[in-house]
Amino acid sequence: MIEASAVAEPRSVIAVTTGEKKKRAGTGARRPWRRPEAAATVAAAVPGKGRTARHHRRRMTTPAIITVAITGSVPTKADNPAVPITIAEQIESTHEAFEAGASLAHVHVRADDGTPSSDPDRFARLLEGLRRHCPGMIVQFSTGGRSGRGEERGAMIALQPDMASLATGSCNFPTRVYENPPALVDWLAELMRRHGVKPEIEAFDLSMIFKAVEMAGDGRIAGPLHVQFVMGVKNAMPVDRDSFVFFAETLRRLAPDATWTGAGIGRDQLTVNRWSLAFGGHVRTGLEDNIRLDRDTLAPSNAALVRRAVDLCAEYDRHPATAAEARAILGLAAAPAG
C-alpha cells in the first residue's frame, strides 16, 4: 500500500501580487473555491443555499480545466523545498492540488537521487496512488525527452493513464535540442492509440500544431485533438500575445473541435493563465513550470499555485472544472472504479 496523506492544505486564499491587489481593490474578499461535494455539505445546513441557487451560479460560467504540473524534470528541492520528488510526496502534493481545484495532473517521476526517470514501476506506483487519493482526477504521463531516450520515453504508456504528452516536432531548449524525430513521434502516437491513451499535443511552435492536425486527419492520432501551447522556454516560443492569439485562431481554423491549454514558464505563468482564460482555453500551473508566487516569494506548494488559478477563473466568468466536467470536455471515459 502506498502511503500518502489524505489531508489537504487549508483552503485559504493565497497572497497575490501588488498589481492583482490593485485590480481587486474594493471588490471585497472572495471565499476560496471548494469542490462541489464540500459545497453541498454547507448548502444542506444553510437555508437558501440549496442546489437550485448553486446550479444557477455555476450555469452562468464556463468550466476551465486546471492542469497541475507537479514536478517536471528540472526543479529541485534546492530551488524550492516544496517540489515533490518521492512518490509519496507527489501523491500528497497532487491530492492537495486536487482539493484546491485542479482536475488534471501532469506527472513525471524521479529516481532516488532526484534525477529524471522513465521507470515504469515508479509510474505504476504513482498512478495507483493518484487514483486512490484523487478519485476521478485525470492523470497524464510525460513522455518528455529529459526523462529517457528513444523508446524508453514510452515504456509507461502500457499502464494506460488517461493521457500522455506528445510533442510533434523538435525545437531548441535552453542548452540542448529537444529531439522528437518523426519516427519516434509516430511510434509514441501509435502506442497511445493502441492503449487508449489520449495525447496532449505539446506545441512549442506553429509547425507542431500543423503536424498534429495532419496526424489526426490520417488517423495516427484519435481526435478530437487537445493541444497545449507552451510559451516561455528559452530558445523556443517566447511569451507574445499576438503569437498566442494566432496559435489559438489557427487551431480553431484547422481543427474546430479541438480543445487547448496555455502553459507559461516561470514568471510568465500568470500571464499565459490570463490569456488562456480570456480566449476560452484551459490553464496549466504547478511547480514544474514556475516555483514562485512572485519575484520575492517561493510558492509553498502546488496547491498554492492552483488556488491562484482558481481565483483568476472568477475574473473571467469561468469556474474550475470538476473532474467529471474535465473528462467530458476532453472526451475521456469515466474514471476507473476504485
Protein backbone atom coordinates (compact mmCIF):
# COMPACT_ATOMS: atom_id res chain seq x y z
CA MET A 1 0.00 0.00 0.00
CA ILE A 2 1.32 3.42 -0.93
CA GLU A 3 1.48 5.85 1.95
CA ALA A 4 0.25 9.37 1.25
CA SER A 5 -1.52 11.93 3.35
CA ALA A 6 -5.20 12.41 2.64
CA VAL A 7 -5.27 15.78 4.36
CA ALA A 8 -5.29 18.84 2.08
CA GLU A 9 -3.87 22.23 2.99
CA PRO A 10 -6.26 24.78 4.48
CA ARG A 11 -8.19 26.36 1.62
CA SER A 12 -7.21 29.93 2.35
CA VAL A 13 -6.83 32.49 -0.42
CA ILE A 14 -3.13 32.94 -1.21
CA ALA A 15 -1.32 36.27 -1.37
CA VAL A 16 -1.43 37.97 -4.75
CA THR A 17 0.96 40.31 -6.50
CA THR A 18 0.73 44.05 -5.99
CA GLY A 19 -0.80 44.52 -9.44
CA GLU A 20 -3.52 41.97 -8.70
CA LYS A 21 -4.27 43.61 -5.35
CA LYS A 22 -4.82 46.95 -7.06
CA LYS A 23 -7.11 45.35 -9.61
CA ARG A 24 -9.18 43.70 -6.90
CA ALA A 25 -9.34 46.72 -4.59
CA GLY A 26 -12.86 47.43 -3.48
CA THR A 27 -14.28 44.12 -4.66
CA GLY A 28 -14.32 42.52 -1.23
CA ALA A 29 -12.82 39.20 -0.18
CA ARG A 30 -13.85 36.07 -2.05
CA ARG A 31 -14.23 32.72 -0.44
CA PRO A 32 -11.78 30.10 -1.74
CA TRP A 33 -13.23 27.65 -4.25
CA ARG A 34 -14.42 24.35 -2.84
CA ARG A 35 -15.18 21.11 -4.59
CA PRO A 36 -18.94 20.62 -5.16
CA GLU A 37 -19.18 17.84 -2.62
CA ALA A 38 -17.88 20.18 0.10
CA ALA A 39 -20.25 22.94 -1.01
CA ALA A 40 -23.15 20.50 -0.85
CA THR A 41 -22.48 19.86 2.83
CA VAL A 42 -22.65 23.58 3.58
CA ALA A 43 -25.75 24.04 1.40
CA ALA A 44 -27.61 21.34 3.30
CA ALA A 45 -27.01 23.16 6.58
CA VAL A 46 -27.68 26.76 5.49
CA PRO A 47 -31.17 27.86 4.39
CA GLY A 48 -31.25 29.43 0.93
CA LYS A 49 -28.00 27.73 -0.15
CA GLY A 50 -29.56 24.73 -1.85
CA ARG A 51 -28.94 23.02 -5.15
CA THR A 52 -31.06 25.38 -7.27
CA ALA A 53 -29.14 28.53 -6.36
CA ARG A 54 -25.80 26.74 -6.61
CA HIS A 55 -26.68 25.26 -10.02
CA HIS A 56 -27.77 28.68 -11.32
CA ARG A 57 -24.49 30.27 -10.22
CA ARG A 58 -22.35 27.62 -11.93
CA ARG A 59 -24.52 27.55 -15.06
CA MET A 60 -23.60 31.19 -15.75
CA THR A 61 -19.88 30.43 -16.13
CA THR A 62 -17.79 28.22 -18.40
CA PRO A 63 -15.60 25.48 -16.90
CA ALA A 64 -11.83 25.79 -17.14
CA ILE A 65 -9.66 22.71 -16.74
CA ILE A 66 -6.81 23.45 -14.35
CA THR A 67 -3.79 21.27 -15.03
CA VAL A 68 -1.20 20.98 -12.27
CA ALA A 69 2.29 20.00 -13.41
CA ILE A 70 3.60 18.84 -10.08
CA THR A 71 7.29 18.01 -10.51
CA GLY A 72 8.78 18.08 -14.00
CA SER A 73 12.36 17.08 -14.73
CA VAL A 74 14.25 20.24 -13.77
CA PRO A 75 13.23 21.85 -10.43
CA THR A 76 14.91 20.53 -7.30
CA LYS A 77 14.39 20.99 -3.59
CA ALA A 78 17.38 23.33 -3.66
CA ASP A 79 15.29 25.57 -5.94
CA ASN A 80 12.16 25.23 -3.80
CA PRO A 81 11.75 22.77 -0.89
CA ALA A 82 8.10 22.26 -1.88
CA VAL A 83 8.99 20.43 -5.12
CA PRO A 84 7.71 16.85 -4.62
CA ILE A 85 10.31 14.25 -5.56
CA THR A 86 9.43 10.90 -3.96
CA ILE A 87 6.28 9.02 -4.98
CA ALA A 88 4.70 9.67 -1.58
CA GLU A 89 5.45 13.40 -1.84
CA GLN A 90 3.99 13.51 -5.34
CA ILE A 91 0.78 11.80 -4.27
CA GLU A 92 0.30 14.12 -1.31
CA SER A 93 1.11 17.24 -3.33
CA THR A 94 -1.28 16.22 -6.11
CA HIS A 95 -4.03 15.46 -3.60
CA GLU A 96 -3.68 18.95 -2.13
CA ALA A 97 -3.82 20.45 -5.62
CA PHE A 98 -6.87 18.33 -6.48
CA GLU A 99 -8.66 19.59 -3.38
CA ALA A 100 -7.70 23.14 -4.33
CA GLY A 101 -9.34 22.84 -7.77
CA ALA A 102 -7.05 21.03 -10.22
CA SER A 103 -8.73 18.35 -12.32
CA LEU A 104 -5.73 17.13 -14.37
CA ALA A 105 -2.29 16.11 -13.12
CA HIS A 106 0.70 16.16 -15.48
CA VAL A 107 3.32 13.91 -13.91
CA HIS A 108 6.97 12.94 -14.22
CA VAL A 109 8.87 10.58 -11.93
CA ARG A 110 12.34 10.86 -10.44
CA ALA A 111 14.99 8.33 -9.47
CA ASP A 112 16.13 8.02 -5.85
CA ASP A 113 18.81 10.66 -6.45
CA GLY A 114 16.23 13.10 -7.83
CA THR A 115 17.25 12.81 -11.47
CA PRO A 116 14.58 12.36 -14.19
CA SER A 117 13.39 8.82 -14.88
CA SER A 118 11.08 6.90 -17.23
CA ASP A 119 10.90 3.88 -14.89
CA PRO A 120 7.50 2.19 -15.50
CA ASP A 121 7.45 0.82 -11.94
CA ARG A 122 7.63 4.32 -10.49
CA PHE A 123 4.90 5.50 -12.83
CA ALA A 124 2.77 2.49 -11.79
CA ARG A 125 3.11 3.31 -8.10
CA LEU A 126 2.31 6.96 -8.74
CA LEU A 127 -0.73 6.11 -10.87
CA GLU A 128 -2.06 3.73 -8.22
CA GLY A 129 -1.72 6.36 -5.51
CA LEU A 130 -3.32 9.13 -7.54
CA ARG A 131 -6.30 7.01 -8.50
CA ARG A 132 -6.77 6.08 -4.86
CA HIS A 133 -6.37 9.53 -3.30
CA CYS A 134 -7.65 11.77 -6.12
CA PRO A 135 -10.75 9.93 -7.40
CA GLY A 136 -11.73 10.96 -10.91
CA MET A 137 -8.72 13.20 -11.48
CA ILE A 138 -7.23 12.92 -14.98
CA VAL A 139 -3.69 11.54 -14.88
CA GLN A 140 -1.36 12.49 -17.71
CA PHE A 141 2.10 10.92 -18.03
CA SER A 142 5.01 12.87 -19.51
CA THR A 143 6.92 11.31 -22.40
CA GLY A 144 9.37 14.23 -22.42
CA GLY A 145 12.92 13.82 -23.64
CA ARG A 146 14.72 14.73 -20.41
CA SER A 147 13.47 11.52 -18.76
CA GLY A 148 14.77 8.98 -21.24
CA ARG A 149 15.97 8.26 -24.75
CA GLY A 150 14.09 6.82 -27.69
CA GLU A 151 11.55 4.17 -26.81
CA GLU A 152 12.33 4.50 -23.10
CA ARG A 153 10.09 7.56 -23.28
CA GLY A 154 7.02 5.42 -23.95
CA ALA A 155 7.74 2.50 -21.65
CA MET A 156 4.99 3.55 -19.20
CA ILE A 157 2.16 4.00 -21.72
CA ALA A 158 1.05 0.37 -21.32
CA LEU A 159 -0.08 1.34 -17.79
CA GLN A 160 -2.98 3.15 -19.51
CA PRO A 161 -3.07 6.55 -17.87
CA ASP A 162 -5.87 8.80 -19.10
CA MET A 163 -3.48 10.93 -21.16
CA ALA A 164 0.16 11.36 -22.12
CA SER A 165 2.13 14.24 -23.56
CA LEU A 166 3.19 14.10 -27.21
CA ALA A 167 5.47 16.69 -28.80
CA THR A 168 5.01 16.51 -32.58
CA GLY A 169 8.32 18.09 -33.55
CA SER A 170 11.74 19.19 -32.35
CA CYS A 171 12.87 22.58 -31.07
CA ASN A 172 15.65 24.28 -29.16
CA PHE A 173 15.68 24.28 -25.37
CA PRO A 174 17.94 26.39 -23.13
CA THR A 175 21.05 24.22 -23.52
CA ARG A 176 20.04 21.42 -25.88
CA VAL A 177 17.84 20.36 -28.74
CA TYR A 178 14.53 18.79 -27.69
CA GLU A 179 14.62 15.95 -30.18
CA ASN A 180 11.37 14.43 -31.42
CA PRO A 181 12.20 12.80 -34.77
CA PRO A 182 9.23 11.80 -36.96
CA ALA A 183 9.73 8.07 -36.41
CA LEU A 184 9.64 8.47 -32.61
CA VAL A 185 6.58 10.74 -32.77
CA ASP A 186 4.76 8.15 -34.91
CA TRP A 187 5.78 5.33 -32.57
CA LEU A 188 4.60 7.15 -29.45
CA ALA A 189 1.33 8.12 -31.15
CA GLU A 190 0.67 4.52 -32.20
CA LEU A 191 1.46 3.29 -28.69
CA MET A 192 -1.04 5.74 -27.22
CA ARG A 193 -3.67 4.81 -29.80
CA ARG A 194 -3.19 1.09 -29.09
CA HIS A 195 -3.59 1.53 -25.32
CA GLY A 196 -6.46 4.02 -25.44
CA VAL A 197 -4.40 6.92 -24.08
CA LYS A 198 -5.36 10.42 -25.27
CA PRO A 199 -2.37 12.53 -26.35
CA GLU A 200 -1.91 16.09 -25.25
CA ILE A 201 -0.05 17.74 -28.12
CA GLU A 202 2.82 19.84 -26.78
CA ALA A 203 3.16 22.73 -29.26
CA PHE A 204 6.41 24.65 -28.85
CA ASP A 205 5.98 26.25 -32.29
CA LEU A 206 3.40 26.55 -35.05
CA SER A 207 4.64 23.58 -37.07
CA MET A 208 3.73 21.24 -34.24
CA ILE A 209 0.08 22.31 -34.48
CA PHE A 210 0.03 21.65 -38.22
CA LYS A 211 1.70 18.25 -37.69
CA ALA A 212 -0.85 17.25 -35.05
CA VAL A 213 -3.74 18.21 -37.36
CA GLU A 214 -2.16 16.14 -40.14
CA MET A 215 -1.78 13.14 -37.82
CA ALA A 216 -5.39 13.43 -36.65
CA GLY A 217 -6.52 13.65 -40.26
CA ASP A 218 -4.85 10.41 -41.31
CA GLY A 219 -5.78 8.50 -38.14
CA ARG A 220 -2.42 8.39 -36.38
CA ILE A 221 -4.00 10.38 -33.54
CA ALA A 222 -7.58 9.78 -32.44
CA GLY A 223 -9.50 13.04 -32.38
CA PRO A 224 -10.62 15.44 -31.24
CA LEU A 225 -7.22 16.98 -30.54
CA HIS A 226 -6.16 18.52 -27.27
CA VAL A 227 -3.22 20.90 -27.71
CA GLN A 228 -1.05 22.75 -25.22
CA PHE A 229 0.64 25.97 -26.32
CA VAL A 230 3.95 26.15 -24.44
CA MET A 231 5.48 29.61 -24.17
CA GLY A 232 8.49 30.95 -22.32
CA VAL A 233 11.03 28.14 -22.71
CA LYS A 234 14.32 29.84 -23.55
CA ASN A 235 15.20 29.48 -27.25
CA ALA A 236 11.70 28.21 -28.09
CA MET A 237 8.40 30.15 -28.43
CA PRO A 238 8.53 33.40 -26.43
CA VAL A 239 5.59 34.79 -24.50
CA ASP A 240 3.98 37.04 -27.08
CA ARG A 241 0.27 37.86 -27.04
CA ASP A 242 -0.17 38.21 -30.80
CA SER A 243 1.52 34.85 -31.37
CA PHE A 244 -0.65 33.29 -28.69
CA VAL A 245 -3.82 34.58 -30.34
CA PHE A 246 -2.55 33.36 -33.73
CA PHE A 247 -1.93 29.88 -32.27
CA ALA A 248 -5.48 29.74 -30.89
CA GLU A 249 -7.07 31.05 -34.09
CA THR A 250 -5.01 28.70 -36.27
CA LEU A 251 -6.01 25.68 -34.21
CA ARG A 252 -9.66 26.77 -34.32
CA ARG A 253 -9.46 27.11 -38.12
CA LEU A 254 -7.70 23.80 -38.71
CA ALA A 255 -9.44 21.72 -36.04
CA PRO A 256 -12.68 23.39 -34.90
CA ASP A 257 -13.46 20.62 -32.42
CA ALA A 258 -10.05 20.79 -30.71
CA THR A 259 -9.53 21.93 -27.12
CA TRP A 260 -6.43 23.71 -25.87
CA THR A 261 -4.46 24.78 -22.83
CA GLY A 262 -1.90 27.55 -22.40
CA ALA A 263 1.30 26.98 -20.41
CA GLY A 264 3.66 29.80 -19.47
CA ILE A 265 7.06 29.15 -17.96
CA GLY A 266 8.48 30.94 -14.92
CA ARG A 267 7.26 34.48 -14.29
CA ASP A 268 5.04 34.24 -17.39
CA GLN A 269 2.85 31.51 -15.93
CA LEU A 270 0.31 34.02 -14.64
CA THR A 271 0.31 35.99 -17.91
CA VAL A 272 -0.47 32.92 -20.01
CA ASN A 273 -3.08 31.80 -17.46
CA ARG A 274 -4.89 35.09 -18.02
CA TRP A 275 -4.70 34.89 -21.81
CA SER A 276 -5.98 31.32 -21.78
CA LEU A 277 -9.00 32.14 -19.64
CA ALA A 278 -9.80 35.24 -21.68
CA PHE A 279 -9.69 33.40 -25.02
CA GLY A 280 -11.72 30.37 -23.91
CA GLY A 281 -8.92 27.88 -23.31
CA HIS A 282 -7.77 25.99 -20.24
CA VAL A 283 -4.86 26.65 -17.87
CA ARG A 284 -1.76 24.94 -16.58
CA THR A 285 0.07 25.76 -13.39
CA GLY A 286 2.38 23.96 -10.98
CA LEU A 287 5.95 23.78 -9.72
CA GLU A 288 7.28 22.12 -12.88
CA ASP A 289 6.84 25.40 -14.75
CA ASN A 290 7.18 28.00 -12.01
CA ILE A 291 8.45 27.81 -8.44
CA ARG A 292 7.33 31.29 -7.31
CA LEU A 293 4.21 33.21 -6.40
CA ASP A 294 6.02 36.45 -7.19
CA ARG A 295 9.56 37.71 -7.56
CA ASP A 296 10.26 37.55 -3.83
CA THR A 297 8.09 34.62 -2.71
CA LEU A 298 8.55 30.90 -3.34
CA ALA A 299 5.31 29.01 -3.88
CA PRO A 300 4.68 26.98 -0.72
CA SER A 301 3.00 24.16 -2.65
CA ASN A 302 1.44 23.13 -5.94
CA ALA A 303 -1.90 23.77 -4.26
CA ALA A 304 -0.99 27.45 -3.74
CA LEU A 305 -0.43 27.88 -7.48
CA VAL A 306 -3.71 26.09 -8.19
CA ARG A 307 -5.56 28.40 -5.81
CA ARG A 308 -4.17 31.37 -7.69
CA ALA A 309 -5.53 29.91 -10.96
CA VAL A 310 -8.88 29.29 -9.26
CA ASP A 311 -9.04 32.95 -8.21
CA LEU A 312 -8.34 34.01 -11.79
CA CYS A 313 -11.22 31.94 -13.14
CA ALA A 314 -13.81 34.15 -11.45
CA GLU A 315 -12.30 37.25 -13.06
CA TYR A 316 -13.07 35.80 -16.50
CA ASP A 317 -16.53 34.35 -15.77
CA ARG A 318 -15.07 30.86 -15.60
CA HIS A 319 -15.16 28.22 -12.89
CA PRO A 320 -12.66 25.41 -12.19
CA ALA A 321 -13.84 22.29 -14.00
CA THR A 322 -14.65 19.34 -11.80
CA ALA A 323 -13.01 16.06 -12.73
CA ALA A 324 -16.25 14.92 -14.37
CA GLU A 325 -16.55 18.17 -16.35
CA ALA A 326 -12.92 17.92 -17.44
CA ARG A 327 -13.42 14.35 -18.64
CA ALA A 328 -16.48 15.40 -20.63
CA ILE A 329 -14.66 18.36 -22.21
CA LEU A 330 -11.75 16.14 -23.28
CA GLY A 331 -13.92 13.23 -24.38
CA LEU A 332 -12.45 10.86 -21.81
CA ALA A 333 -14.20 7.87 -20.29
CA ALA A 334 -15.40 7.93 -16.71
CA ALA A 335 -12.72 7.41 -14.11
CA PRO A 336 -11.68 3.80 -13.43
CA ALA A 337 -13.51 2.32 -10.47
CA GLY A 338 -11.74 2.06 -7.14
